[in-house]
Amino acid sequence: MSVFGRQHTVNSSITRSGIGLHTARLVSITIQPAPVNTGIIFHRSDLTGIDTAIPAHIFNVSDVSLNTSICNADGAEIGTIEHLMAAFAGMGIDNAYVDVSGPELPAFDGSSDRYCQMINEAGIKEQNEDRRFIKVLKPVSVEINASSSHLTPSSSLQISTKIDFSDPFIGASQYFYVHDNNSFIEELAAARTFCLHKDVSQMRAAGYAIGGSLDNAIVVKDGQMLNETPLRYTDEFVRHKTLDCLGDLRLAGMGIIGHMSTTRPGHRINSELLKALFSDDSNYTIMTGEELANAEEKVA
């Protein structure tokens, strides 16, 4: 499948269920095919009497505290969408309907792996329309406390991620990701979410991580990993942060062609970076995959 090729959706519907990381609620999720130019649209199947459709777009983001949530004008909200959005971006799904029976997506194992499995089982269908992309034209930057993120022009989607944690088991590391046909599955999909043990009680007191466990997150305490299962990558922590960035960038509504360089990223700064990009029409242009491919050939 060419990154610059046709749009794609899933070939058939597929349903799975799991526990929400923050709510601890058992929810079912169904991914369904959608027509060209639909984008990703979530539906809250447990709600009635209101509009339950929630387009996955930056302008619908409602919460960026330890997850990314989106909400529509009627108040229908769905949380922790970033791992599924990363799977859609990584596997080239442009259009899909996602029905969810509760306020949060399942955490599964804390990575995008199960979502990728769902997409593979449903199958991937090419559609008769070119992909559209947002091509970054001018540098855009955002800083929040010790975190910073930048978007600059590039010929492909690239993400440079740096993290620095006080616990030596995580420590400081960096990762450079180039979005290509198989790069997501090989490099990012299995990287799990993580936290420091000392932060768990504070998160739960604030209403987060109620469903968190060693089955759906890596927990680190005093230089050690509490999980019995080993790391899936030696640098799994920075890879997961890169996965989150990819999922949050997908809230642009289509793929981005640009280089994101980020230090100590999180959902808040990811969201602010997209808002900064869209704050000025001269920051970007929308191009089809064919136009981008032709532009690359001229440069070559």
Protein backbone atom coordinates (compact mmCIF):
# COMPACT_ATOMS: atom_id res chain seq x y z
CA MET A 1 0.00 0.00 0.00
CA SER A 2 1.52 3.34 -1.06
CA VAL A 3 1.49 6.07 1.57
CA PHE A 4 0.54 8.53 -1.19
CA GLY A 5 -1.99 6.22 -2.89
CA ARG A 6 -5.73 5.76 -2.66
CA GLN A 7 -7.93 6.11 0.41
CA HIS A 8 -8.67 2.98 2.43
CA THR A 9 -11.29 1.71 4.85
CA VAL A 10 -11.82 -1.61 6.60
CA ASN A 11 -13.33 -4.36 4.47
CA SER A 12 -15.86 -5.56 7.06
CA SER A 13 -17.11 -4.79 10.56
CA ILE A 14 -15.31 -6.20 13.58
CA THR A 15 -16.19 -6.04 17.30
CA ARG A 16 -14.10 -6.52 20.42
CA SER A 17 -14.52 -5.59 24.09
CA GLY A 18 -12.21 -4.53 26.89
CA ILE A 19 -11.69 -2.39 29.99
CA GLY A 20 -11.17 1.36 29.84
CA LEU A 21 -7.85 2.52 31.31
CA HIS A 22 -9.31 5.48 33.18
CA THR A 23 -12.97 4.53 33.73
CA ALA A 24 -12.50 0.77 34.35
CA ARG A 25 -15.73 0.23 32.40
CA LEU A 26 -16.18 -2.81 30.18
CA VAL A 27 -17.00 -1.49 26.71
CA SER A 28 -17.40 -2.95 23.26
CA ILE A 29 -15.99 -1.33 20.14
CA THR A 30 -17.05 -1.97 16.55
CA ILE A 31 -15.00 -0.69 13.62
CA GLN A 32 -17.05 -0.42 10.41
CA PRO A 33 -16.38 0.55 6.79
CA ALA A 34 -17.08 4.15 5.77
CA PRO A 35 -17.29 5.92 2.38
CA VAL A 36 -14.50 8.01 0.87
CA ASN A 37 -13.77 11.38 2.51
CA THR A 38 -15.64 10.39 5.68
CA GLY A 39 -12.61 10.44 7.94
CA ILE A 40 -12.89 8.75 11.33
CA ILE A 41 -16.23 9.18 13.09
CA PHE A 42 -16.97 7.78 16.54
CA HIS A 43 -20.49 6.97 17.77
CA ARG A 44 -21.58 6.46 21.38
CA SER A 45 -23.91 3.48 20.96
CA ASP A 46 -24.98 3.63 24.63
CA LEU A 47 -26.51 7.10 24.35
CA THR A 48 -29.98 8.04 23.09
CA GLY A 49 -31.84 11.27 22.47
CA ILE A 50 -28.79 13.22 21.31
CA ASP A 51 -26.44 13.30 18.36
CA THR A 52 -23.91 10.56 19.13
CA ALA A 53 -21.58 11.13 16.15
CA ILE A 54 -18.18 12.56 17.13
CA PRO A 55 -15.80 13.29 14.24
CA ALA A 56 -12.18 12.66 15.20
CA HIS A 57 -10.80 16.15 14.71
CA ILE A 58 -8.66 18.57 16.69
CA PHE A 59 -11.53 21.05 16.96
CA ASN A 60 -13.56 18.44 18.87
CA VAL A 61 -10.85 17.72 21.47
CA SER A 62 -12.34 18.12 24.95
CA ASP A 63 -9.74 16.71 27.35
CA VAL A 64 -5.99 16.21 27.14
CA SER A 65 -5.32 15.12 30.73
CA LEU A 66 -3.49 11.77 30.52
CA ASN A 67 -5.44 10.90 27.36
CA THR A 68 -7.08 12.49 24.35
CA SER A 69 -10.87 12.82 24.44
CA ILE A 70 -13.23 14.29 21.86
CA CYS A 71 -16.76 15.63 22.26
CA ASN A 72 -19.56 16.87 20.00
CA ALA A 73 -21.91 19.83 20.44
CA ASP A 74 -24.53 17.67 22.20
CA GLY A 75 -22.05 16.55 24.84
CA ALA A 76 -21.39 13.03 23.57
CA GLU A 77 -17.78 12.32 24.53
CA ILE A 78 -15.31 9.50 23.94
CA GLY A 79 -11.92 9.22 25.62
CA THR A 80 -8.52 7.58 25.21
CA ILE A 81 -8.76 7.48 21.43
CA GLU A 82 -5.05 7.99 20.73
CA HIS A 83 -3.99 4.33 20.43
CA LEU A 84 -6.73 3.53 17.92
CA MET A 85 -6.03 6.73 16.00
CA ALA A 86 -2.36 5.74 15.84
CA ALA A 87 -3.37 2.33 14.47
CA PHE A 88 -5.55 3.98 11.82
CA ALA A 89 -2.67 6.28 10.84
CA GLY A 90 -0.10 3.51 10.94
CA MET A 91 -2.15 1.05 8.89
CA GLY A 92 -3.43 3.56 6.37
CA ILE A 93 -7.12 3.64 7.32
CA ASP A 94 -8.56 6.93 6.12
CA ASN A 95 -12.27 6.28 6.67
CA ALA A 96 -14.11 4.34 9.38
CA TYR A 97 -17.08 4.44 11.71
CA VAL A 98 -16.28 3.43 15.29
CA ASP A 99 -19.18 2.48 17.58
CA VAL A 100 -18.36 2.41 21.30
CA SER A 101 -20.70 1.33 24.11
CA GLY A 102 -19.23 3.68 26.72
CA PRO A 103 -17.23 6.84 27.38
CA GLU A 104 -13.77 5.40 26.73
CA LEU A 105 -12.07 3.01 24.33
CA PRO A 106 -10.68 -0.29 25.66
CA ALA A 107 -7.08 -0.14 26.83
CA PHE A 108 -6.34 -3.74 25.82
CA ASP A 109 -2.61 -4.16 26.59
CA GLY A 110 -1.83 -0.42 26.61
CA SER A 111 -0.50 -0.33 23.05
CA SER A 112 -1.97 -0.20 19.53
CA ASP A 113 -1.29 -3.87 18.90
CA ARG A 114 -4.82 -5.19 19.46
CA TYR A 115 -6.30 -2.43 17.33
CA CYS A 116 -3.92 -3.37 14.52
CA GLN A 117 -5.04 -6.98 14.89
CA MET A 118 -8.68 -5.89 14.59
CA ILE A 119 -7.93 -3.95 11.41
CA ASN A 120 -6.03 -6.88 9.93
CA GLU A 121 -8.88 -9.28 10.75
CA ALA A 122 -11.46 -6.93 9.24
CA GLY A 123 -9.30 -6.52 6.15
CA ILE A 124 -8.22 -3.33 4.41
CA LYS A 125 -10.12 -2.13 1.35
CA GLU A 126 -8.81 0.31 -1.24
CA GLN A 127 -11.29 3.01 -2.28
CA ASN A 128 -11.67 4.89 -5.53
CA GLU A 129 -10.38 8.26 -4.35
CA ASP A 130 -6.92 9.73 -3.82
CA ARG A 131 -5.71 10.29 -0.30
CA ARG A 132 -5.54 13.90 0.85
CA PHE A 133 -2.78 15.28 3.03
CA ILE A 134 -2.00 18.40 5.00
CA LYS A 135 1.45 19.52 3.87
CA VAL A 136 3.25 21.78 6.32
CA LEU A 137 4.55 24.92 4.57
CA LYS A 138 5.95 27.00 7.45
CA PRO A 139 7.51 26.17 10.84
CA VAL A 140 5.09 26.08 13.76
CA SER A 141 6.21 25.89 17.40
CA VAL A 142 4.59 25.47 20.82
CA GLU A 143 6.12 25.46 24.30
CA ILE A 144 4.41 24.47 27.56
CA ASN A 145 6.63 24.57 30.64
CA ALA A 146 9.50 22.10 29.97
CA SER A 147 7.80 20.64 26.88
CA SER A 148 8.27 21.89 23.34
CA SER A 149 7.02 20.78 19.93
CA HIS A 150 7.75 21.97 16.42
CA LEU A 151 6.35 21.22 12.97
CA THR A 152 8.53 21.96 9.96
CA PRO A 153 8.19 21.24 6.22
CA SER A 154 9.26 17.78 5.07
CA SER A 155 8.65 15.40 2.17
CA SER A 156 7.13 12.77 4.50
CA LEU A 157 5.72 12.41 8.00
CA GLN A 158 8.59 12.24 10.46
CA ILE A 159 8.54 12.37 14.27
CA SER A 160 11.60 13.08 16.41
CA THR A 161 10.85 12.41 20.08
CA LYS A 162 12.93 13.11 23.19
CA ILE A 163 11.96 12.13 26.73
CA ASP A 164 13.68 12.60 30.09
CA PHE A 165 12.32 10.97 33.25
CA SER A 166 13.83 11.10 36.73
CA ASP A 167 13.51 7.36 37.27
CA PRO A 168 16.67 5.74 35.87
CA PHE A 169 14.76 2.77 34.45
CA ILE A 170 13.15 5.18 31.95
CA GLY A 171 15.75 7.95 31.94
CA ALA A 172 16.47 10.03 28.85
CA SER A 173 16.12 8.69 25.32
CA GLN A 174 15.20 9.77 21.82
CA TYR A 175 13.62 8.19 18.77
CA PHE A 176 13.32 9.14 15.12
CA TYR A 177 10.32 7.75 13.24
CA VAL A 178 9.70 7.96 9.50
CA HIS A 179 6.17 7.02 8.52
CA ASP A 180 6.34 4.39 5.78
CA ASN A 181 4.30 1.38 4.68
CA ASN A 182 5.36 -1.02 7.45
CA SER A 183 7.22 1.23 9.87
CA PHE A 184 4.38 1.56 12.39
CA ILE A 185 3.81 -2.18 12.81
CA GLU A 186 7.52 -2.88 13.13
CA GLU A 187 8.56 0.09 15.27
CA LEU A 188 5.68 1.47 17.35
CA ALA A 189 2.49 -0.59 17.44
CA ALA A 190 3.44 -2.83 20.39
CA ALA A 191 4.90 -0.08 22.61
CA ARG A 192 2.83 0.15 25.80
CA THR A 193 1.71 3.10 27.88
CA PHE A 194 3.58 3.60 31.14
CA CYS A 195 3.61 5.48 34.42
CA LEU A 196 5.59 5.94 37.60
CA HIS A 197 4.25 4.07 40.63
CA LYS A 198 4.54 7.21 42.76
CA ASP A 199 2.00 8.97 40.51
CA VAL A 200 -0.70 6.27 40.61
CA SER A 201 -2.48 7.38 43.80
CA GLN A 202 -2.58 11.00 42.62
CA MET A 203 -3.96 9.99 39.22
CA ARG A 204 -6.66 7.84 40.79
CA ALA A 205 -7.61 10.59 43.24
CA ALA A 206 -8.19 12.81 40.18
CA GLY A 207 -10.39 10.14 38.56
CA TYR A 208 -7.82 8.70 36.16
CA ALA A 209 -6.19 5.26 35.79
CA ILE A 210 -9.05 3.57 37.68
CA GLY A 211 -8.83 0.65 35.24
CA GLY A 212 -5.05 0.67 35.10
CA SER A 213 -3.16 -2.52 35.91
CA LEU A 214 0.04 -4.34 35.05
CA ASP A 215 -1.94 -5.92 32.20
CA ASN A 216 -2.48 -2.62 30.39
CA ALA A 217 0.42 -0.41 31.45
CA ILE A 218 4.10 -0.55 32.37
CA VAL A 219 4.59 0.61 35.96
CA VAL A 220 8.04 1.73 37.10
CA LYS A 221 9.17 2.14 40.71
CA ASP A 222 12.60 3.08 42.05
CA GLY A 223 14.54 2.02 38.99
CA GLN A 224 12.63 -1.20 38.41
CA MET A 225 9.74 -2.38 36.27
CA LEU A 226 6.93 -3.96 38.30
CA ASN A 227 5.52 -5.95 35.37
CA GLU A 228 6.60 -9.56 34.98
CA THR A 229 6.56 -9.31 31.20
CA PRO A 230 9.79 -7.82 29.78
CA LEU A 231 10.08 -4.69 27.68
CA ARG A 232 9.05 -5.24 24.07
CA TYR A 233 11.72 -2.81 22.88
CA THR A 234 14.76 -1.61 24.81
CA ASP A 235 13.46 1.93 24.25
CA GLU A 236 9.75 1.11 24.62
CA PHE A 237 9.00 4.27 26.60
CA VAL A 238 10.07 6.78 23.96
CA ARG A 239 8.49 4.63 21.25
CA HIS A 240 5.15 4.78 23.06
CA LYS A 241 5.40 8.56 23.31
CA THR A 242 6.01 8.59 19.56
CA LEU A 243 2.95 6.36 19.07
CA ASP A 244 0.87 8.86 21.06
CA CYS A 245 2.18 11.71 18.89
CA LEU A 246 1.18 9.84 15.73
CA GLY A 247 -2.32 9.19 17.09
CA ASP A 248 -2.81 12.79 18.17
CA LEU A 249 -1.53 14.12 14.83
CA ARG A 250 -4.20 12.03 13.08
CA LEU A 251 -6.73 14.45 14.58
CA ALA A 252 -5.73 16.80 11.79
CA GLY A 253 -8.45 14.92 9.89
CA MET A 254 -6.03 13.52 7.34
CA GLY A 255 -2.37 12.58 7.15
CA ILE A 256 0.26 15.24 7.81
CA ILE A 257 3.35 15.71 5.65
CA GLY A 258 5.85 17.40 7.92
CA HIS A 259 8.49 16.81 10.58
CA MET A 260 7.34 16.93 14.21
CA SER A 261 10.21 17.46 16.62
CA THR A 262 9.14 17.20 20.25
CA THR A 263 10.76 17.21 23.68
CA ARG A 264 8.82 15.79 26.64
CA PRO A 265 5.62 15.43 24.61
CA GLY A 266 2.15 14.86 25.97
CA HIS A 267 -1.42 15.05 24.76
CA ARG A 268 -1.77 18.72 25.72
CA ILE A 269 1.19 19.96 23.71
CA ASN A 270 0.31 17.64 20.81
CA SER A 271 -3.13 19.24 20.73
CA GLU A 272 -1.75 22.77 20.96
CA LEU A 273 0.66 22.08 18.11
CA LEU A 274 -2.18 21.11 15.78
CA LYS A 275 -4.18 24.17 16.84
CA ALA A 276 -1.17 26.35 16.08
CA LEU A 277 -0.85 24.73 12.65
CA PHE A 278 -4.49 25.46 11.83
CA SER A 279 -4.41 28.98 13.30
CA ASP A 280 -3.05 30.39 10.04
CA ASP A 281 -4.05 29.10 6.59
CA SER A 282 -0.62 30.01 5.24
CA ASN A 283 0.98 27.38 7.52
CA TYR A 284 -0.20 24.51 5.33
CA THR A 285 -1.84 23.39 2.12
CA ILE A 286 -4.00 20.39 1.27
CA MET A 287 -2.69 18.12 -1.49
CA THR A 288 -3.67 14.76 -2.91
CA GLY A 289 -1.32 11.84 -2.78
CA GLU A 290 -0.85 12.04 -6.54
CA GLU A 291 0.13 15.71 -6.32
CA LEU A 292 2.65 14.92 -3.58
CA ALA A 293 4.11 12.00 -5.53
CA ASN A 294 4.45 14.15 -8.65
CA ALA A 295 6.12 16.91 -6.63
CA GLU A 296 8.62 14.37 -5.27
CA GLU A 297 9.44 13.17 -8.81
CA LYS A 298 10.14 16.74 -9.95
CA VAL A 299 12.51 17.29 -7.02
CA ALA A 300 14.29 13.99 -7.72
